C-alpha atoms as a PDB file:
ATOM      1  CA  MET A   1       0.062  -0.029   0.145  1.00  0.00           C
ATOM      2  CA  PRO A   2       1.555   3.321  -1.077  1.00  0.00           C
ATOM      3  CA  PRO A   3       2.154   5.865   1.608  1.00  0.00           C
ATOM      4  CA  ARG A   4      -0.553   8.545   2.088  1.00  0.00           C
ATOM      5  CA  LEU A   5       0.623  12.060   0.714  1.00  0.00           C
ATOM      6  CA  THR A   6       0.300  15.288   2.546  1.00  0.00           C
ATOM      7  CA  PRO A   7      -0.968  18.569   1.010  1.00  0.00           C
ATOM      8  CA  LEU A   8       2.613  19.718   1.012  1.00  0.00           C
ATOM      9  CA  HIS A   9       3.698  16.477  -0.843  1.00  0.00           C
ATOM     10  CA  ARG A  10       1.076  16.829  -3.302  1.00  0.00           C
ATOM     11  CA  LEU A  11       1.985  20.389  -3.940  1.00  0.00           C
ATOM     12  CA  LEU A  12       5.696  19.452  -4.506  1.00  0.00           C
ATOM     13  CA  ARG A  13       4.623  16.537  -6.495  1.00  0.00           C
ATOM     14  CA  ARG A  14       2.559  18.832  -8.940  1.00  0.00           C
ATOM     15  CA  SER A  15       5.335  21.503  -9.200  1.00  0.00           C
ATOM     16  CA  THR A  16       8.085  18.884  -9.838  1.00  0.00           C
ATOM     17  CA  ILE A  17       6.622  16.581 -12.522  1.00  0.00           C
ATOM     18  CA  ALA A  18       8.257  16.974 -15.852  1.00  0.00           C
ATOM     19  CA  PRO A  19       6.126  18.288 -18.606  1.00  0.00           C
ATOM     20  CA  ASN A  20       6.304  15.031 -20.808  1.00  0.00           C
ATOM     21  CA  SER A  21       6.531  12.488 -18.109  1.00  0.00           C
ATOM     22  CA  SER A  22       3.877   9.925 -16.951  1.00  0.00           C
ATOM     23  CA  PRO A  23       2.096  10.571 -13.826  1.00  0.00           C
ATOM     24  CA  LEU A  24       2.960   7.001 -12.790  1.00  0.00           C
ATOM     25  CA  ALA A  25       6.822   7.593 -13.301  1.00  0.00           C
ATOM     26  CA  PRO A  26       9.027   8.616 -10.568  1.00  0.00           C
ATOM     27  CA  PRO A  27       8.981  12.441 -10.141  1.00  0.00           C
ATOM     28  CA  LEU A  28      11.988  14.422 -11.743  1.00  0.00           C
ATOM     29  CA  LEU A  29      12.861  17.014  -9.052  1.00  0.00           C
ATOM     30  CA  ASN A  30      13.586  20.700 -10.208  1.00  0.00           C
ATOM     31  CA  PRO A  31      15.543  22.173  -7.500  1.00  0.00           C
ATOM     32  CA  THR A  32      14.545  25.724  -8.392  1.00  0.00           C
ATOM     33  CA  SER A  33      10.854  24.778  -8.651  1.00  0.00           C
ATOM     34  CA  THR A  34      11.109  22.881  -5.314  1.00  0.00           C
ATOM     35  CA  SER A  35      12.736  25.934  -3.637  1.00  0.00           C
ATOM     36  CA  SER A  36      10.071  28.293  -4.816  1.00  0.00           C
ATOM     37  CA  ALA A  37       7.297  26.086  -3.702  1.00  0.00           C
ATOM     38  CA  ILE A  38       8.630  26.007  -0.125  1.00  0.00           C
ATOM     39  CA  GLN A  39       9.058  29.570   0.080  1.00  0.00           C
ATOM     40  CA  LEU A  40       5.546  29.991  -1.280  1.00  0.00           C
ATOM     41  CA  GLN A  41       4.380  27.700   1.429  1.00  0.00           C
ATOM     42  CA  ARG A  42       6.420  29.453   4.108  1.00  0.00           C
ATOM     43  CA  ARG A  43       5.207  33.052   3.172  1.00  0.00           C
ATOM     44  CA  THR A  44       1.303  31.857   3.025  1.00  0.00           C
ATOM     45  CA  PHE A  45       1.846  30.329   6.370  1.00  0.00           C
ATOM     46  CA  LEU A  46       3.529  33.400   8.010  1.00  0.00           C
ATOM     47  CA  ASN A  47       0.974  35.703   6.528  1.00  0.00           C
ATOM     48  CA  PHE A  48      -2.001  33.657   7.720  1.00  0.00           C
ATOM     49  CA  GLY A  49      -0.484  33.527  11.263  1.00  0.00           C
ATOM     50  CA  LYS A  50      -1.070  37.291  11.636  1.00  0.00           C
ATOM     51  CA  TYR A  51      -4.871  36.874  11.642  1.00  0.00           C
ATOM     52  CA  ARG A  52      -7.329  34.992  13.636  1.00  0.00           C
ATOM     53  CA  SER A  53      -9.310  33.360  10.827  1.00  0.00           C
ATOM     54  CA  LEU A  54      -9.258  33.228   7.089  1.00  0.00           C
ATOM     55  CA  GLU A  55     -12.254  35.705   7.124  1.00  0.00           C
ATOM     56  CA  GLU A  56     -10.191  38.301   9.041  1.00  0.00           C
ATOM     57  CA  ALA A  57      -7.315  38.014   6.449  1.00  0.00           C
ATOM     58  CA  LYS A  58      -9.601  38.524   3.540  1.00  0.00           C
ATOM     59  CA  SER A  59     -11.193  41.418   5.296  1.00  0.00           C
ATOM     60  CA  ARG A  60      -7.875  42.970   6.008  1.00  0.00           C
ATOM     61  CA  HIS A  61      -6.887  42.757   2.374  1.00  0.00           C
ATOM     62  CA  SER A  62     -10.099  44.046   0.915  1.00  0.00           C
ATOM     63  CA  THR A  63      -9.716  47.268   3.039  1.00  0.00           C
ATOM     64  CA  GLY A  64      -6.164  47.908   2.011  1.00  0.00           C
ATOM     65  CA  PRO A  65      -3.810  50.062   3.992  1.00  0.00           C
ATOM     66  CA  PHE A  66      -6.578  52.288   5.476  1.00  0.00           C
ATOM     67  CA  SER A  67      -8.670  51.591   8.649  1.00  0.00           C
ATOM     68  CA  TRP A  68     -11.250  53.359  10.731  1.00  0.00           C
ATOM     69  CA  THR A  69      -8.523  54.373  13.189  1.00  0.00           C
ATOM     70  CA  ALA A  70      -6.408  55.831  10.233  1.00  0.00           C
ATOM     71  CA  GLY A  71      -9.588  57.700   8.989  1.00  0.00           C
ATOM     72  CA  ILE A  72     -10.356  59.223  12.409  1.00  0.00           C
ATOM     73  CA  LEU A  73      -6.884  60.441  12.743  1.00  0.00           C
ATOM     74  CA  PHE A  74      -6.804  61.916   9.379  1.00  0.00           C
ATOM     75  CA  LEU A  75     -10.197  63.794  10.101  1.00  0.00           C
ATOM     76  CA  LEU A  76      -8.755  65.197  13.517  1.00  0.00           C
ATOM     77  CA  SER A  77      -5.608  66.378  11.920  1.00  0.00           C
ATOM     78  CA  GLY A  78      -7.470  68.170   9.268  1.00  0.00           C
ATOM     79  CA  GLY A  79      -9.882  69.779  11.446  1.00  0.00           C
ATOM     80  CA  GLY A  80      -6.925  70.973  13.823  1.00  0.00           C
ATOM     81  CA  LEU A  81      -5.119  72.383  10.684  1.00  0.00           C
ATOM     82  CA  ILE A  82      -8.331  74.172   9.636  1.00  0.00           C
ATOM     83  CA  THR A  83      -8.890  75.601  12.997  1.00  0.00           C
ATOM     84  CA  TYR A  84      -5.271  76.830  13.457  1.00  0.00           C
ATOM     85  CA  PHE A  85      -5.479  78.441   9.898  1.00  0.00           C
ATOM     86  CA  ARG A  86      -8.515  80.128  10.839  1.00  0.00           C
ATOM     87  CA  TYR A  87      -7.346  81.389  14.051  1.00  0.00           C
ATOM     88  CA  GLU A  88      -4.071  82.816  12.301  1.00  0.00           C
ATOM     89  CA  LYS A  89      -6.015  84.547   9.713  1.00  0.00           C
ATOM     90  CA  GLU A  90      -8.100  86.313  12.161  1.00  0.00           C
ATOM     91  CA  ARG A  91      -5.162  87.228  14.324  1.00  0.00           C
ATOM     92  CA  LEU A  92      -3.395  88.628  11.309  1.00  0.00           C
ATOM     93  CA  GLU A  93      -6.526  90.613  10.204  1.00  0.00           C
ATOM     94  CA  ARG A  94      -6.907  92.162  13.708  1.00  0.00           C
ATOM     95  CA  ALA A  95      -3.034  92.942  13.574  1.00  0.00           C
ATOM     96  CA  ALA A  96      -3.525  94.694  10.278  1.00  0.00           C
ATOM     97  CA  VAL A  97      -6.478  96.558  11.625  1.00  0.00           C
ATOM     98  CA  ALA A  98      -4.590  97.869  14.603  1.00  0.00           C
ATOM     99  CA  GLU A  99      -1.379  98.723  12.490  1.00  0.00           C
ATOM    100  CA  ARG A 100      -3.652 100.407  10.066  1.00  0.00           C
ATOM    101  CA  ASN A 101      -5.429 102.506  12.692  1.00  0.00           C
ATOM    102  CA  LYS A 102      -2.026 103.995  14.108  1.00  0.00           C
ATOM    103  CA  GLY A 103      -2.154 106.163  11.046  1.00  0.00           C
ATOM    104  CA  VAL A 104       1.524 106.119   9.950  1.00  0.00           C
ATOM    105  CA  GLY A 105       2.581 109.494   8.568  1.00  0.00           C
ATOM    106  CA  LYS A 106      -0.722 110.997  10.106  1.00  0.00           C
ATOM    107  CA  PRO A 107      -1.559 112.434  13.698  1.00  0.00           C
ATOM    108  CA  ARG A 108      -2.328 109.308  15.908  1.00  0.00           C
ATOM    109  CA  VAL A 109      -5.894 109.014  17.054  1.00  0.00           C
ATOM    110  CA  GLY A 110      -5.659 109.965  20.756  1.00  0.00           C
ATOM    111  CA  GLY A 111      -1.954 110.441  20.352  1.00  0.00           C
ATOM    112  CA  GLY A 112      -0.157 112.552  22.996  1.00  0.00           C
ATOM    113  CA  GLY A 113      -2.523 111.582  25.656  1.00  0.00           C
ATOM    114  CA  PHE A 114      -4.475 113.904  27.888  1.00  0.00           C
ATOM    115  CA  VAL A 115      -4.621 115.584  31.413  1.00  0.00           C
ATOM    116  CA  LEU A 116      -8.116 116.192  32.615  1.00  0.00           C
ATOM    117  CA  THR A 117     -10.179 116.327  35.877  1.00  0.00           C
ATOM    118  CA  ASP A 118     -11.859 113.172  37.188  1.00  0.00           C
ATOM    119  CA  MET A 119     -15.118 112.890  39.265  1.00  0.00           C
ATOM    120  CA  GLU A 120     -13.386 113.693  42.587  1.00  0.00           C
ATOM    121  CA  GLY A 121     -11.878 116.854  41.145  1.00  0.00           C
ATOM    122  CA  ARG A 122      -8.414 115.531  41.008  1.00  0.00           C
ATOM    123  CA  ARG A 123      -6.199 116.166  37.938  1.00  0.00           C
ATOM    124  CA  VAL A 124      -5.557 112.742  36.141  1.00  0.00           C
ATOM    125  CA  GLY A 125      -3.793 111.811  33.044  1.00  0.00           C
ATOM    126  CA  ASP A 126      -4.141 108.918  30.480  1.00  0.00           C
ATOM    127  CA  GLY A 127      -0.579 107.647  31.734  1.00  0.00           C
ATOM    128  CA  GLU A 128      -2.040 107.089  35.214  1.00  0.00           C
ATOM    129  CA  LEU A 129      -5.329 105.626  33.986  1.00  0.00           C
ATOM    130  CA  ARG A 130      -3.166 102.941  32.004  1.00  0.00           C
ATOM    131  CA  GLY A 131      -1.247 102.147  35.064  1.00  0.00           C
ATOM    132  CA  VAL A 132       2.101 103.718  33.815  1.00  0.00           C
ATOM    133  CA  GLU A 133       4.754 103.469  36.643  1.00  0.00           C
ATOM    134  CA  GLY A 134       5.035 106.790  38.503  1.00  0.00           C
ATOM    135  CA  GLY A 135       1.635 108.204  37.784  1.00  0.00           C
ATOM    136  CA  VAL A 136       0.721 111.192  40.299  1.00  0.00           C
ATOM    137  CA  GLY A 137      -2.672 112.778  40.882  1.00  0.00           C
ATOM    138  CA  GLY A 138      -4.060 114.695  43.700  1.00  0.00           C
ATOM    139  CA  ALA A 139      -4.027 118.488  42.477  1.00  0.00           C
ATOM    140  CA  GLU A 140      -7.122 119.994  43.966  1.00  0.00           C
ATOM    141  CA  GLY A 141      -9.535 120.958  41.001  1.00  0.00           C
ATOM    142  CA  ALA A 142      -8.839 121.704  37.356  1.00  0.00           C
ATOM    143  CA  GLY A 143      -6.988 124.901  38.466  1.00  0.00           C
ATOM    144  CA  GLY A 144      -5.291 123.409  41.577  1.00  0.00           C
ATOM    145  CA  SER A 145      -1.701 124.789  42.632  1.00  0.00           C
ATOM    146  CA  GLY A 146      -0.201 121.345  42.718  1.00  0.00           C
ATOM    147  CA  GLU A 147       2.494 122.264  40.103  1.00  0.00           C
ATOM    148  CA  ALA A 148       4.620 119.042  40.901  1.00  0.00           C
ATOM    149  CA  GLU A 149       1.523 116.933  40.686  1.00  0.00           C
ATOM    150  CA  GLU A 150       0.619 118.560  37.220  1.00  0.00           C
ATOM    151  CA  GLU A 151       4.137 118.485  35.925  1.00  0.00           C
ATOM    152  CA  ALA A 152       4.328 114.634  36.740  1.00  0.00           C
ATOM    153  CA  LEU A 153       1.047 114.025  34.842  1.00  0.00           C
ATOM    154  CA  LEU A 154       2.218 115.966  31.928  1.00  0.00           C
ATOM    155  CA  HIS A 155       5.564 113.972  31.889  1.00  0.00           C
ATOM    156  CA  LYS A 156       3.610 110.796  31.671  1.00  0.00           C
ATOM    157  CA  LYS A 157       1.214 111.965  29.321  1.00  0.00           C
ATOM    158  CA  GLY A 158       1.068 109.572  26.344  1.00  0.00           C
ATOM    159  CA  ALA A 159       3.818 107.714  27.866  1.00  0.00           C
ATOM    160  CA  LYS A 160       4.304 103.982  27.036  1.00  0.00           C
ATOM    161  CA  GLY A 161       4.659 101.110  29.245  1.00  0.00           C
ATOM    162  CA  GLY A 162       1.303 100.916  30.886  1.00  0.00           C
ATOM    163  CA  LYS A 163      -0.494  97.947  32.331  1.00  0.00           C
ATOM    164  CA  LYS A 164      -4.168  98.574  31.453  1.00  0.00           C
ATOM    165  CA  TRP A 165      -6.178  99.137  28.296  1.00  0.00           C
ATOM    166  CA  LEU A 166      -8.458 102.023  27.985  1.00  0.00           C
ATOM    167  CA  LEU A 167     -12.015 102.085  26.475  1.00  0.00           C
ATOM    168  CA  VAL A 168     -12.966 105.689  25.912  1.00  0.00           C
ATOM    169  CA  TYR A 169     -16.492 106.982  25.213  1.00  0.00           C
ATOM    170  CA  PHE A 170     -17.447 110.732  24.534  1.00  0.00           C
ATOM    171  CA  GLY A 171     -21.024 111.899  25.581  1.00  0.00           C
ATOM    172  CA  PHE A 172     -22.786 114.177  27.970  1.00  0.00           C
ATOM    173  CA  THR A 173     -25.110 113.695  30.872  1.00  0.00           C
ATOM    174  CA  HIS A 174     -28.050 115.515  29.491  1.00  0.00           C
ATOM    175  CA  CYS A 175     -28.206 113.011  26.327  1.00  0.00           C
ATOM    176  CA  PRO A 176     -31.690 111.910  26.288  1.00  0.00           C
ATOM    177  CA  ASP A 177     -31.203 108.263  24.850  1.00  0.00           C
ATOM    178  CA  ILE A 178     -28.175 107.365  23.031  1.00  0.00           C
ATOM    179  CA  CYS A 179     -25.668 108.107  25.736  1.00  0.00           C
ATOM    180  CA  PRO A 180     -27.584 105.894  28.448  1.00  0.00           C
ATOM    181  CA  GLU A 181     -27.920 103.136  25.843  1.00  0.00           C
ATOM    182  CA  GLU A 182     -24.258 103.256  24.893  1.00  0.00           C
ATOM    183  CA  LEU A 183     -23.236 103.300  28.586  1.00  0.00           C
ATOM    184  CA  ASP A 184     -25.262 100.097  29.275  1.00  0.00           C
ATOM    185  CA  LYS A 185     -23.462  98.517  26.553  1.00  0.00           C
ATOM    186  CA  MET A 186     -20.128  99.749  27.960  1.00  0.00           C
ATOM    187  CA  ALA A 187     -21.060  98.235  31.266  1.00  0.00           C
ATOM    188  CA  SER A 188     -22.035  94.844  29.714  1.00  0.00           C
ATOM    189  CA  MET A 189     -18.665  95.080  27.590  1.00  0.00           C
ATOM    190  CA  VAL A 190     -16.454  95.640  30.812  1.00  0.00           C
ATOM    191  CA  ASP A 191     -17.985  92.707  32.661  1.00  0.00           C
ATOM    192  CA  LEU A 192     -17.488  90.353  29.502  1.00  0.00           C
ATOM    193  CA  VAL A 193     -14.001  91.480  28.940  1.00  0.00           C
ATOM    194  CA  GLU A 194     -12.988  90.972  32.515  1.00  0.00           C
ATOM    195  CA  LYS A 195     -14.745  87.439  32.639  1.00  0.00           C
ATOM    196  CA  SER A 196     -12.703  86.455  29.613  1.00  0.00           C
ATOM    197  CA  CYS A 197      -9.437  88.319  30.210  1.00  0.00           C
ATOM    198  CA  GLY A 198      -9.296  88.911  34.002  1.00  0.00           C
ATOM    199  CA  GLU A 199     -10.112  91.685  36.222  1.00  0.00           C
ATOM    200  CA  ASP A 200      -8.598  95.224  36.030  1.00  0.00           C
ATOM    201  CA  ILE A 201      -7.437  94.572  32.567  1.00  0.00           C
ATOM    202  CA  MET A 202      -9.233  97.615  31.165  1.00  0.00           C
ATOM    203  CA  THR A 203     -10.325 101.034  32.481  1.00  0.00           C
ATOM    204  CA  PRO A 204     -13.575 102.339  30.915  1.00  0.00           C
ATOM    205  CA  ILE A 205     -13.659 106.175  30.641  1.00  0.00           C
ATOM    206  CA  PHE A 206     -16.435 108.644  29.816  1.00  0.00           C
ATOM    207  CA  ILE A 207     -15.355 112.065  28.728  1.00  0.00           C
ATOM    208  CA  THR A 208     -17.792 114.677  28.679  1.00  0.00           C
ATOM    209  CA  CYS A 209     -18.611 116.732  25.572  1.00  0.00           C
ATOM    210  CA  ASP A 210     -20.334 119.301  27.711  1.00  0.00           C
ATOM    211  CA  PRO A 211     -17.955 120.553  30.394  1.00  0.00           C
ATOM    212  CA  ALA A 212     -20.192 123.553  31.313  1.00  0.00           C
ATOM    213  CA  ARG A 213     -22.853 121.420  32.929  1.00  0.00           C
ATOM    214  CA  ASP A 214     -21.027 118.122  33.475  1.00  0.00           C
ATOM    215  CA  THR A 215     -19.035 119.050  36.615  1.00  0.00           C
ATOM    216  CA  PRO A 216     -17.346 116.281  38.755  1.00  0.00           C
ATOM    217  CA  PRO A 217     -20.302 115.846  41.126  1.00  0.00           C
ATOM    218  CA  VAL A 218     -22.836 115.637  38.161  1.00  0.00           C
ATOM    219  CA  LEU A 219     -20.645 113.023  36.522  1.00  0.00           C
ATOM    220  CA  LYS A 220     -20.259 110.942  39.557  1.00  0.00           C
ATOM    221  CA  SER A 221     -24.066 110.980  40.204  1.00  0.00           C
ATOM    222  CA  TYR A 222     -24.783 110.101  36.713  1.00  0.00           C
ATOM    223  CA  LEU A 223     -22.300 107.348  36.120  1.00  0.00           C
ATOM    224  CA  SER A 224     -23.077 105.476  39.456  1.00  0.00           C
ATOM    225  CA  GLU A 225     -26.326 104.247  37.651  1.00  0.00           C
ATOM    226  CA  PHE A 226     -24.328 102.210  34.995  1.00  0.00           C
ATOM    227  CA  HIS A 227     -21.077 100.652  36.360  1.00  0.00           C
ATOM    228  CA  PRO A 228     -18.800 101.275  39.382  1.00  0.00           C
ATOM    229  CA  LYS A 229     -15.730 101.237  37.293  1.00  0.00           C
ATOM    230  CA  ILE A 230     -16.545 103.749  34.792  1.00  0.00           C
ATOM    231  CA  LYS A 231     -14.522 106.812  35.396  1.00  0.00           C
ATOM    232  CA  GLY A 232     -16.021 110.306  34.421  1.00  0.00           C
ATOM    233  CA  ILE A 233     -13.591 112.732  33.028  1.00  0.00           C
ATOM    234  CA  THR A 234     -14.288 116.512  32.487  1.00  0.00           C
ATOM    235  CA  GLY A 235     -12.311 119.763  32.198  1.00  0.00           C
ATOM    236  CA  SER A 236     -12.291 123.149  30.649  1.00  0.00           C
ATOM    237  CA  TYR A 237     -13.839 123.737  27.324  1.00  0.00           C
ATOM    238  CA  ASP A 238     -10.535 124.217  25.642  1.00  0.00           C
ATOM    239  CA  GLU A 239      -9.143 121.002  27.408  1.00  0.00           C
ATOM    240  CA  ILE A 240     -12.279 119.021  26.255  1.00  0.00           C
ATOM    241  CA  LYS A 241     -11.869 120.650  22.657  1.00  0.00           C
ATOM    242  CA  GLN A 242      -8.280 119.577  22.366  1.00  0.00           C
ATOM    243  CA  VAL A 243      -8.953 115.828  23.460  1.00  0.00           C
ATOM    244  CA  CYS A 244     -11.953 115.738  21.062  1.00  0.00           C
ATOM    245  CA  LYS A 245      -9.633 116.775  18.529  1.00  0.00           C
ATOM    246  CA  SER A 246      -7.047 114.448  19.375  1.00  0.00           C
ATOM    247  CA  TYR A 247      -9.480 111.553  19.145  1.00  0.00           C
ATOM    248  CA  ARG A 248     -11.196 112.881  16.037  1.00  0.00           C
ATOM    249  CA  VAL A 249     -14.337 113.222  17.881  1.00  0.00           C
ATOM    250  CA  TYR A 250     -16.929 115.721  16.366  1.00  0.00           C
ATOM    251  CA  PHE A 251     -19.164 117.644  18.997  1.00  0.00           C
ATOM    252  CA  SER A 252     -21.165 120.753  18.696  1.00  0.00           C
ATOM    253  CA  THR A 253     -21.192 122.292  22.169  1.00  0.00           C
ATOM    254  CA  PRO A 254     -20.868 125.978  21.746  1.00  0.00           C
ATOM    255  CA  PRO A 255     -18.432 127.916  23.935  1.00  0.00           C
ATOM    256  CA  ASN A 256     -19.562 130.603  26.406  1.00  0.00           C
ATOM    257  CA  ILE A 257     -23.104 129.374  27.074  1.00  0.00           C
ATOM    258  CA  PRO A 258     -25.414 131.426  29.211  1.00  0.00           C
ATOM    259  CA  GLU A 259     -26.023 129.708  32.519  1.00  0.00           C
ATOM    260  CA  GLY A 260     -29.550 127.928  32.547  1.00  0.00           C
ATOM    261  CA  LYS A 261     -29.820 127.828  28.798  1.00  0.00           C
ATOM    262  CA  ASP A 262     -30.913 124.416  27.734  1.00  0.00           C
ATOM    263  CA  TYR A 263     -29.394 122.764  24.639  1.00  0.00           C
ATOM    264  CA  LEU A 264     -28.333 119.400  23.122  1.00  0.00           C
ATOM    265  CA  VAL A 265     -24.977 118.166  22.003  1.00  0.00           C
ATOM    266  CA  ASP A 266     -24.303 116.527  18.728  1.00  0.00           C
ATOM    267  CA  HIS A 267     -21.186 114.125  18.986  1.00  0.00           C
ATOM    268  CA  SER A 268     -19.538 111.199  17.462  1.00  0.00           C
ATOM    269  CA  ILE A 269     -20.813 107.745  18.785  1.00  0.00           C
ATOM    270  CA  TYR A 270     -17.662 105.363  19.178  1.00  0.00           C
ATOM    271  CA  PHE A 271     -15.881 103.390  21.665  1.00  0.00           C
ATOM    272  CA  TYR A 272     -11.986 104.021  21.325  1.00  0.00           C
ATOM    273  CA  LEU A 273      -9.793 101.066  22.318  1.00  0.00           C
ATOM    274  CA  MET A 274      -6.399 102.130  23.342  1.00  0.00           C
ATOM    275  CA  ASP A 275      -3.635  99.670  24.238  1.00  0.00           C
ATOM    276  CA  PRO A 276      -1.441  99.851  27.405  1.00  0.00           C
ATOM    277  CA  ASP A 277       1.032 102.056  25.329  1.00  0.00           C
ATOM    278  CA  GLY A 278      -1.666 104.591  24.541  1.00  0.00           C
ATOM    279  CA  GLU A 279      -1.843 103.443  20.910  1.00  0.00           C
ATOM    280  CA  PHE A 280      -5.204 103.535  19.123  1.00  0.00           C
ATOM    281  CA  VAL A 281      -6.245  99.964  18.376  1.00  0.00           C
ATOM    282  CA  GLU A 282      -9.791 100.028  17.055  1.00  0.00           C
ATOM    283  CA  ALA A 283     -13.047 102.064  17.039  1.00  0.00           C
ATOM    284  CA  LEU A 284     -16.228 100.137  18.100  1.00  0.00           C
ATOM    285  CA  GLY A 285     -19.510 101.529  16.744  1.00  0.00           C
ATOM    286  CA  ARG A 286     -23.193 100.991  17.425  1.00  0.00           C
ATOM    287  CA  GLN A 287     -23.333  97.937  14.942  1.00  0.00           C
ATOM    288  CA  HIS A 288     -21.530  96.059  17.648  1.00  0.00           C
ATOM    289  CA  SER A 289     -23.364  94.341  20.249  1.00  0.00           C
ATOM    290  CA  PRO A 290     -21.916  94.077  23.561  1.00  0.00           C
ATOM    291  CA  GLU A 291     -20.957  90.433  23.004  1.00  0.00           C
ATOM    292  CA  ALA A 292     -19.351  91.283  19.590  1.00  0.00           C
ATOM    293  CA  ALA A 293     -17.554  94.274  20.994  1.00  0.00           C
ATOM    294  CA  ALA A 294     -16.232  92.200  23.959  1.00  0.00           C
ATOM    295  CA  LYS A 295     -15.072  89.423  21.604  1.00  0.00           C
ATOM    296  CA  VAL A 296     -13.031  92.053  19.430  1.00  0.00           C
ATOM    297  CA  ILE A 297     -11.502  93.615  22.738  1.00  0.00           C
ATOM    298  CA  SER A 298     -10.580  90.206  24.129  1.00  0.00           C
ATOM    299  CA  ALA A 299      -9.055  89.080  21.012  1.00  0.00           C
ATOM    300  CA  HIS A 300      -6.752  92.186  20.732  1.00  0.00           C
ATOM    301  CA  ILE A 301      -5.861  91.685  24.543  1.00  0.00           C
ATOM    302  CA  GLY A 302      -5.125  87.835  23.850  1.00  0.00           C
ATOM    303  CA  ASP A 303      -2.828  88.972  20.657  1.00  0.00           C
ATOM    304  CA  ARG A 304      -0.745  91.273  22.900  1.00  0.00           C
ATOM    305  CA  ARG A 305       0.080  88.711  25.623  1.00  0.00           C
END
């Protein structure tokens, strides 16, 4: 009885039978064919050993080199790149706006700063409000005799190296509707920015366009209804006229108004964002909601950090 052939023996027998020989004749072995068959058998066995079943091997070869894991990683990487490029685009656009608003070759908006009178009757400058080192206030009233204090304020007027941003708005306390609406918006903007960027990062300022009626006590009483951090600023007619010119603010207040005469003041309606160095960054108009304006301000603050 002939010996039983294994599958490997059958494979070797088929690959080594000479083309013209009889199946009954003893096989003529071809060393090259025998070696190739053994290598094929070994390769098939090794590859099959990577998978638990034949179905798993077929499934792996049908999907090719990609898998669900590779697809998810690809989508996450693509989403991350898109988010990064969008952020960079917005950052560069904000930087372009800030650079353009500096007005290279033109007088700067708010350039040179100011020294005016606050709600307590003290002389105060933009440098002190921005937290520039060495700010000095305390001269009594707009015409006080504190020459040293006034000189210190003038020295720091428009100086760089501050720690706080300024949000400046021009208006007047007898405004029937627009100023109260804008001050409500300013109060919301301050809260939203502090929530996003931290407290005491920005000083909100209300500069009156009507110095004849808006004395320090009047400003203090009026602004207390909106937000405790809004600082009211006034001064003489010439001082207010100069600071309005510096910020390119239009206002129609006539000089030398008789006492007791009623009148309205027409003025520009913008919030002016100034950085800690006293540079004008961006003007925010009535088209900005408190949320949109706070988002713009927070983005500028974040870009500087």
